[in-house]
Amino acid sequence: MITALILIPVVGVALFIFACCKTDWKAIDKQNRQFYVDGYHLYYDRKILRQKEVEQLKSKSE
């Protein structure tokens, strides 16, 4: 029983480290740069981005 309590976290940490090593962080960063503008996601934050764009257009026209 005690062995299982020790073994489960050790295996979990080993799997986490393995997953981190196998992850292609450059590809993830490249994909994120396609979908994020100034920290806002192009799809999920489109209302905020549209509002900022309208504010910029208003400030340019003044």
C-alpha atoms as a PDB file:
ATOM      1  CA  MET A   1       0.000   0.000   0.000  1.00  0.00           C
ATOM      2  CA  ILE A   2       2.756   2.453   0.910  1.00  0.00           C
ATOM      3  CA  THR A   3       4.646   1.413  -2.216  1.00  0.00           C
ATOM      4  CA  ALA A   4       1.664   2.376  -4.371  1.00  0.00           C
ATOM      5  CA  LEU A   5       1.417   5.770  -2.666  1.00  0.00           C
ATOM      6  CA  ILE A   6       5.060   6.424  -3.481  1.00  0.00           C
ATOM      7  CA  LEU A   7       4.998   4.884  -6.955  1.00  0.00           C
ATOM      8  CA  ILE A   8       1.977   6.800  -8.310  1.00  0.00           C
ATOM      9  CA  PRO A   9       3.509  10.310  -7.931  1.00  0.00           C
ATOM     10  CA  VAL A  10       6.886   9.097  -9.201  1.00  0.00           C
ATOM     11  CA  VAL A  11       5.291   7.651 -12.342  1.00  0.00           C
ATOM     12  CA  GLY A  12       3.217  10.812 -12.760  1.00  0.00           C
ATOM     13  CA  VAL A  13       6.282  13.037 -12.579  1.00  0.00           C
ATOM     14  CA  ALA A  14       8.147  10.779 -15.012  1.00  0.00           C
ATOM     15  CA  LEU A  15       5.274  10.947 -17.517  1.00  0.00           C
ATOM     16  CA  PHE A  16       5.084  14.729 -17.136  1.00  0.00           C
ATOM     17  CA  ILE A  17       8.802  15.137 -17.809  1.00  0.00           C
ATOM     18  CA  PHE A  18       8.571  12.776 -20.796  1.00  0.00           C
ATOM     19  CA  ALA A  19       5.638  14.760 -22.238  1.00  0.00           C
ATOM     20  CA  CYS A  20       7.499  18.054 -21.778  1.00  0.00           C
ATOM     21  CA  CYS A  21      10.556  16.702 -23.572  1.00  0.00           C
ATOM     22  CA  LYS A  22       8.519  15.390 -26.503  1.00  0.00           C
ATOM     23  CA  THR A  23       6.523  18.595 -26.981  1.00  0.00           C
ATOM     24  CA  ASP A  24       7.525  20.733 -29.954  1.00  0.00           C
ATOM     25  CA  TRP A  25       7.428  24.112 -28.229  1.00  0.00           C
ATOM     26  CA  LYS A  26       8.555  25.995 -31.348  1.00  0.00           C
ATOM     27  CA  ALA A  27       5.583  24.690 -33.337  1.00  0.00           C
ATOM     28  CA  ILE A  28       3.205  25.649 -30.536  1.00  0.00           C
ATOM     29  CA  ASP A  29       4.687  29.150 -30.376  1.00  0.00           C
ATOM     30  CA  LYS A  30       4.435  29.503 -34.160  1.00  0.00           C
ATOM     31  CA  GLN A  31       0.773  28.487 -34.098  1.00  0.00           C
ATOM     32  CA  ASN A  32       0.013  30.828 -31.201  1.00  0.00           C
ATOM     33  CA  ARG A  33       1.517  33.750 -33.107  1.00  0.00           C
ATOM     34  CA  GLN A  34      -0.996  33.068 -35.898  1.00  0.00           C
ATOM     35  CA  PHE A  35      -4.019  33.330 -33.619  1.00  0.00           C
ATOM     36  CA  TYR A  36      -3.016  35.953 -31.031  1.00  0.00           C
ATOM     37  CA  VAL A  37      -2.792  39.721 -31.560  1.00  0.00           C
ATOM     38  CA  ASP A  38      -1.572  41.874 -28.649  1.00  0.00           C
ATOM     39  CA  GLY A  39      -2.450  39.082 -26.230  1.00  0.00           C
ATOM     40  CA  TYR A  40      -5.995  38.694 -27.585  1.00  0.00           C
ATOM     41  CA  HIS A  41      -7.161  35.554 -29.406  1.00  0.00           C
ATOM     42  CA  LEU A  42      -8.473  36.368 -32.880  1.00  0.00           C
ATOM     43  CA  TYR A  43     -11.591  34.213 -32.493  1.00  0.00           C
ATOM     44  CA  TYR A  44     -12.483  34.300 -28.814  1.00  0.00           C
ATOM     45  CA  ASP A  45     -11.678  37.983 -28.238  1.00  0.00           C
ATOM     46  CA  ARG A  46     -12.969  39.329 -31.557  1.00  0.00           C
ATOM     47  CA  LYS A  47     -15.390  41.729 -29.849  1.00  0.00           C
ATOM     48  CA  ILE A  48     -12.537  43.314 -27.888  1.00  0.00           C
ATOM     49  CA  LEU A  49     -10.359  43.511 -31.000  1.00  0.00           C
ATOM     50  CA  ARG A  50     -13.212  45.065 -32.999  1.00  0.00           C
ATOM     51  CA  GLN A  51     -13.775  47.638 -30.247  1.00  0.00           C
ATOM     52  CA  LYS A  52     -10.065  48.540 -30.225  1.00  0.00           C
ATOM     53  CA  GLU A  53     -10.110  48.872 -34.013  1.00  0.00           C
ATOM     54  CA  VAL A  54     -13.121  51.205 -33.877  1.00  0.00           C
ATOM     55  CA  GLU A  55     -11.418  53.306 -31.194  1.00  0.00           C
ATOM     56  CA  GLN A  56      -8.289  53.568 -33.329  1.00  0.00           C
ATOM     57  CA  LEU A  57     -10.317  54.642 -36.359  1.00  0.00           C
ATOM     58  CA  LYS A  58     -12.131  57.274 -34.275  1.00  0.00           C
ATOM     59  CA  SER A  59      -8.866  58.643 -32.925  1.00  0.00           C
ATOM     60  CA  LYS A  60      -7.370  58.822 -36.438  1.00  0.00           C
ATOM     61  CA  SER A  61     -10.388  60.690 -37.822  1.00  0.00           C
ATOM     62  CA  GLU A  62     -10.261  63.335 -35.079  1.00  0.00           C
END
